Amino acid sequence: MNQPLAFIHPDAKIAHNVVVEPFAVINKDVEIGEGTWIGSHAIIMEGARIGKNCRIFPGAVISAVPQDLKFKGEETVTIIGDNTTIRECVTVNRGTVDKYRTEIGSNCLIMAYVHIAHDCIVGSNVILGNCVQLAGHITVGDYANIGGMSAVQQFVKIGKHTYIGGCSQIRKDVPPYIKAAREPLTYAGINSVGLRRRGKTDEKIAEIQDIYRYIYLKGLNNSDATNQVELEFPATPERDEILNFISNSERGIIRSPSKKVAESEN
């Protein structure tokens, strides 16, 4: 159902049951899957690949050229998975020569005024609160939840199943399964509520918590802590996810809590 007051480029590939509201703009080299709704005044620019049953609210701008002075007009894309909601005035820039794509997974909720810069890879089932700002080249794992007004520095990696408090300044990598808060951003325990919602057992949550005691609460450096974890904990997907994340961190992971906080959580 396409309104006559919308502009849809004749070369755009739009599934038959996509709804495009008045004053929306859809440029060439755009693909939109079945059941998706495009709100009034949303602008879908070249290179957008939008999945099925998405909702793009008024004022959103999807697949604009990167805000990167190194961008030379190379052909890149913005990929959005199925069942993802993008609220009012969200901006998502397409990729550069680094990854040639910016990608958002399926079943995500991207709240109003979020900015997702070039070459970001956002997993599935992610929630980005109002006004979250992602600089370029950021990776966000599945089921991550970032509180509103948070700003993430370029090249940061955020692990799976993390919960980050609102108004956070995220300059270092955030390992999987944890909560992070305070300023500067520090470890604030395990995201046990989110893990239970994802079906993790109490035993599995306890295992993850024990691993992070070595990493954050025993006063060990990262190398010694990960060596101890590898020696003392049997291999499991969760253990290996944590160890691989830390070993592959280029920016370093967020800091331990203060001694007083650590003693209360140990």
Protein backbone atom coordinates (compact mmCIF):
# COMPACT_ATOMS: atom_id res chain seq x y z
CA MET A 1 0.00 0.00 0.00
CA ASN A 2 1.98 2.99 -1.27
CA GLN A 3 0.70 6.53 -0.81
CA PRO A 4 0.81 8.79 -3.89
CA LEU A 5 2.49 11.51 -1.79
CA ALA A 6 5.49 9.25 -1.07
CA PHE A 7 8.46 9.18 -3.42
CA ILE A 8 9.66 5.71 -4.42
CA HIS A 9 12.41 5.43 -6.99
CA PRO A 10 11.37 3.12 -9.83
CA ASP A 11 14.52 1.01 -9.36
CA ALA A 12 13.82 0.30 -5.68
CA LYS A 13 12.84 -3.32 -4.95
CA ILE A 14 9.82 -3.19 -2.67
CA ALA A 15 7.89 -6.32 -1.64
CA HIS A 16 4.22 -6.32 -2.58
CA ASN A 17 2.79 -5.79 0.92
CA VAL A 18 5.15 -3.08 2.19
CA VAL A 19 3.32 0.01 3.51
CA VAL A 20 4.88 3.37 2.64
CA GLU A 21 3.21 6.36 4.30
CA PRO A 22 2.87 9.86 2.79
CA PHE A 23 6.02 11.96 2.42
CA ALA A 24 8.40 9.04 2.89
CA VAL A 25 11.31 8.92 0.43
CA ILE A 26 12.80 5.70 -0.92
CA ASN A 27 15.83 6.09 -3.20
CA LYS A 28 17.30 3.78 -5.83
CA ASP A 29 19.32 0.67 -4.92
CA VAL A 30 17.00 -0.06 -1.98
CA GLU A 31 15.47 -3.42 -1.09
CA ILE A 32 12.62 -3.75 1.43
CA GLY A 33 11.16 -7.08 2.54
CA GLU A 34 7.57 -8.19 3.01
CA GLY A 35 5.40 -6.72 5.74
CA THR A 36 7.63 -3.74 6.50
CA TRP A 37 6.12 -0.36 7.36
CA ILE A 38 7.83 2.90 6.40
CA GLY A 39 6.49 5.90 8.32
CA SER A 40 5.89 9.42 7.06
CA HIS A 41 9.01 11.50 6.43
CA ALA A 42 11.34 8.51 6.82
CA ILE A 43 14.15 8.61 4.25
CA ILE A 44 15.59 5.36 2.92
CA MET A 45 18.75 6.13 0.96
CA GLU A 46 20.88 4.19 -1.51
CA GLY A 47 22.30 0.89 -0.32
CA ALA A 48 19.59 0.06 2.23
CA ARG A 49 18.68 -3.63 2.58
CA ILE A 50 15.74 -3.83 4.96
CA GLY A 51 14.27 -7.18 6.01
CA LYS A 52 10.75 -8.43 6.60
CA ASN A 53 8.24 -7.03 9.09
CA CYS A 54 10.37 -4.07 10.12
CA ARG A 55 8.95 -0.75 11.31
CA ILE A 56 10.74 2.46 10.36
CA PHE A 57 9.21 5.43 12.19
CA PRO A 58 8.89 9.05 10.99
CA GLY A 59 12.06 11.08 10.62
CA ALA A 60 14.45 8.13 10.49
CA VAL A 61 17.24 8.32 7.91
CA ILE A 62 18.59 4.93 6.84
CA SER A 63 21.77 4.39 4.80
CA ALA A 64 22.98 7.99 4.49
CA VAL A 65 26.60 8.35 3.41
CA PRO A 66 29.12 8.03 6.26
CA GLN A 67 30.24 11.01 8.30
CA ASP A 68 33.82 10.03 7.55
CA LEU A 69 36.25 12.26 5.68
CA LYS A 70 37.98 9.16 4.27
CA PHE A 71 34.80 8.07 2.45
CA LYS A 72 35.32 8.36 -1.30
CA GLY A 73 31.91 7.31 -2.56
CA GLU A 74 32.55 3.57 -2.63
CA GLU A 75 29.49 1.35 -3.05
CA THR A 76 28.47 0.15 0.41
CA VAL A 77 25.27 -0.96 2.11
CA THR A 78 23.20 -0.81 5.26
CA ILE A 79 21.65 -4.15 6.24
CA ILE A 80 18.72 -4.41 8.65
CA GLY A 81 17.37 -7.82 9.67
CA ASP A 82 13.79 -8.99 10.07
CA ASN A 83 11.35 -7.74 12.74
CA THR A 84 13.50 -4.78 13.76
CA THR A 85 11.92 -1.54 14.93
CA ILE A 86 13.64 1.78 14.27
CA ARG A 87 12.00 4.67 16.07
CA GLU A 88 11.74 8.38 15.34
CA CYS A 89 14.75 10.31 14.01
CA VAL A 90 17.21 7.41 14.16
CA THR A 91 20.16 7.80 11.77
CA VAL A 92 22.04 4.80 10.37
CA ASN A 93 25.00 5.47 8.06
CA ARG A 94 26.16 2.94 5.49
CA GLY A 95 29.61 1.37 5.50
CA THR A 96 32.99 2.45 4.21
CA VAL A 97 35.90 0.56 2.70
CA ASP A 98 36.55 -0.94 6.16
CA LYS A 99 33.62 -3.40 6.13
CA TYR A 100 31.59 -2.16 3.16
CA ARG A 101 28.49 -2.44 5.35
CA THR A 102 26.74 -1.28 8.47
CA GLU A 103 24.54 -4.02 9.86
CA ILE A 104 21.71 -4.33 12.39
CA GLY A 105 20.39 -7.81 13.17
CA SER A 106 16.87 -9.13 13.58
CA ASN A 107 14.39 -8.46 16.40
CA CYS A 108 16.13 -5.29 17.53
CA LEU A 109 14.61 -2.19 19.12
CA ILE A 110 16.45 0.98 18.17
CA MET A 111 14.81 3.80 20.15
CA ALA A 112 14.39 7.43 19.14
CA TYR A 113 17.36 9.63 18.19
CA VAL A 114 19.90 6.79 18.18
CA HIS A 115 22.84 7.24 15.81
CA ILE A 116 24.59 4.19 14.35
CA ALA A 117 27.68 5.22 12.43
CA HIS A 118 29.47 3.58 9.51
CA ASP A 119 30.77 0.02 9.75
CA CYS A 120 28.97 -0.80 13.00
CA ILE A 121 27.83 -4.40 13.39
CA VAL A 122 24.88 -4.69 15.77
CA GLY A 123 23.68 -8.21 16.60
CA SER A 124 20.15 -9.55 16.94
CA ASN A 125 17.74 -8.94 19.83
CA VAL A 126 19.65 -5.79 20.78
CA ILE A 127 18.01 -2.83 22.55
CA LEU A 128 19.52 0.64 22.15
CA GLY A 129 17.86 3.20 24.43
CA ASN A 130 16.90 6.72 23.41
CA CYS A 131 19.80 8.85 22.14
CA VAL A 132 22.45 6.12 22.27
CA GLN A 133 25.32 7.19 20.01
CA LEU A 134 27.52 4.60 18.31
CA ALA A 135 30.67 5.92 16.64
CA GLY A 136 32.17 4.07 13.70
CA HIS A 137 33.42 0.47 13.62
CA ILE A 138 31.64 -0.67 16.80
CA THR A 139 30.50 -4.25 17.39
CA VAL A 140 27.50 -4.98 19.63
CA GLY A 141 26.73 -8.61 20.50
CA ASP A 142 23.36 -10.34 20.52
CA TYR A 143 20.94 -9.45 23.34
CA ALA A 144 22.98 -6.45 24.48
CA ASN A 145 20.97 -3.68 26.15
CA ILE A 146 22.49 -0.18 26.21
CA GLY A 147 20.78 2.47 28.33
CA GLY A 148 19.68 5.81 26.93
CA MET A 149 22.05 8.74 26.41
CA SER A 150 25.09 6.43 26.33
CA ALA A 151 27.96 7.20 23.96
CA VAL A 152 30.26 4.50 22.57
CA GLN A 153 33.74 5.35 21.28
CA GLN A 154 34.85 4.07 17.87
CA PHE A 155 36.14 0.49 17.55
CA VAL A 156 34.70 -0.58 20.93
CA LYS A 157 33.30 -4.11 21.22
CA ILE A 158 30.31 -4.87 23.45
CA GLY A 159 29.72 -8.52 24.30
CA LYS A 160 26.61 -10.65 24.17
CA HIS A 161 23.95 -10.42 26.90
CA THR A 162 25.42 -7.25 28.41
CA TYR A 163 23.45 -4.57 30.23
CA ILE A 164 24.95 -1.08 30.27
CA GLY A 165 23.44 1.65 32.43
CA GLY A 166 22.12 4.88 30.94
CA CYS A 167 24.34 7.92 30.33
CA SER A 168 27.44 5.73 30.19
CA GLN A 169 30.62 6.76 28.41
CA ILE A 170 31.91 3.53 26.86
CA ARG A 171 35.59 3.83 25.94
CA LYS A 172 36.72 0.23 26.56
CA ASP A 173 35.39 -3.17 25.52
CA VAL A 174 32.57 -4.62 27.64
CA PRO A 175 32.84 -8.42 28.07
CA PRO A 176 29.79 -10.68 27.61
CA TYR A 177 27.15 -11.50 30.26
CA ILE A 178 27.88 -8.58 32.59
CA LYS A 179 26.34 -5.35 33.81
CA ALA A 180 28.35 -2.15 33.51
CA ALA A 181 27.75 1.20 35.17
CA ARG A 182 29.37 4.11 37.05
CA GLU A 183 31.82 6.70 35.74
CA PRO A 184 34.34 5.69 34.57
CA LEU A 185 32.50 2.62 33.33
CA THR A 186 33.17 -0.43 35.52
CA TYR A 187 32.05 -4.00 36.06
CA ALA A 188 28.80 -4.04 38.09
CA GLY A 189 28.04 -7.75 38.36
CA ILE A 190 26.44 -10.38 36.16
CA ASN A 191 23.40 -9.65 34.01
CA SER A 192 21.52 -12.40 35.80
CA VAL A 193 18.05 -11.03 34.97
CA GLY A 194 18.80 -10.97 31.25
CA LEU A 195 20.43 -14.40 31.37
CA ARG A 196 17.41 -15.94 33.10
CA ARG A 197 15.16 -14.41 30.46
CA ARG A 198 17.30 -16.14 27.85
CA GLY A 199 16.86 -19.50 29.60
CA LYS A 200 20.19 -19.78 31.44
CA THR A 201 19.98 -21.99 34.53
CA ASP A 202 21.03 -20.88 38.01
CA GLU A 203 24.01 -23.24 37.74
CA LYS A 204 25.13 -21.63 34.49
CA ILE A 205 24.74 -18.13 35.93
CA ALA A 206 26.78 -19.19 38.99
CA GLU A 207 29.52 -20.49 36.67
CA ILE A 208 29.67 -17.18 34.84
CA GLN A 209 29.73 -15.28 38.12
CA ASP A 210 32.60 -17.41 39.43
CA ILE A 211 34.60 -16.77 36.27
CA TYR A 212 34.17 -13.02 36.61
CA ARG A 213 35.29 -13.13 40.24
CA TYR A 214 38.70 -14.14 38.93
CA ILE A 215 38.68 -11.48 36.24
CA TYR A 216 37.38 -8.55 38.27
CA LEU A 217 37.32 -9.20 42.02
CA LYS A 218 40.53 -11.02 43.00
CA GLY A 219 43.04 -8.34 42.12
CA LEU A 220 44.61 -10.29 39.24
CA ASN A 221 45.75 -8.78 35.97
CA ASN A 222 43.88 -9.94 32.88
CA SER A 223 46.56 -12.41 31.79
CA ASP A 224 46.79 -14.11 35.19
CA ALA A 225 43.01 -14.10 35.61
CA THR A 226 42.30 -15.71 32.24
CA ASN A 227 45.04 -18.30 32.82
CA GLN A 228 43.47 -19.23 36.15
CA VAL A 229 40.02 -19.46 34.58
CA GLU A 230 41.34 -21.73 31.84
CA LEU A 231 42.99 -23.99 34.42
CA GLU A 232 40.18 -24.16 36.97
CA PHE A 233 37.00 -24.15 34.86
CA PRO A 234 36.06 -26.85 32.35
CA ALA A 235 35.51 -25.73 28.78
CA THR A 236 31.95 -24.55 28.16
CA PRO A 237 30.53 -22.22 25.51
CA GLU A 238 30.17 -19.46 28.10
CA ARG A 239 33.69 -19.84 29.49
CA ASP A 240 35.18 -19.86 26.01
CA GLU A 241 33.08 -16.86 24.94
CA ILE A 242 34.48 -14.85 27.86
CA LEU A 243 38.08 -15.94 27.33
CA ASN A 244 38.00 -15.37 23.57
CA PHE A 245 36.46 -11.93 24.02
CA ILE A 246 39.13 -10.82 26.48
CA SER A 247 42.03 -12.30 24.51
CA ASN A 248 40.83 -10.59 21.30
CA SER A 249 40.18 -7.21 22.91
CA GLU A 250 42.32 -4.56 21.24
CA ARG A 251 41.19 -1.61 23.35
CA GLY A 252 41.24 -3.49 26.64
CA ILE A 253 38.20 -4.30 28.77
CA ILE A 254 36.43 -2.01 31.21
CA ARG A 255 37.97 -1.63 34.64
CA SER A 256 37.34 -3.43 37.90
CA PRO A 257 35.15 -1.76 40.53
CA SER A 258 36.75 0.09 43.41
CA LYS A 259 38.20 -1.98 46.25
CA LYS A 260 35.22 -1.14 48.48
CA VAL A 261 32.70 -2.23 45.83
CA ALA A 262 34.73 -5.33 44.99
CA GLU A 263 34.80 -6.41 48.62
CA SER A 264 31.00 -6.07 48.85
CA GLU A 265 30.51 -8.17 45.69
CA ASN A 266 33.16 -10.84 46.36
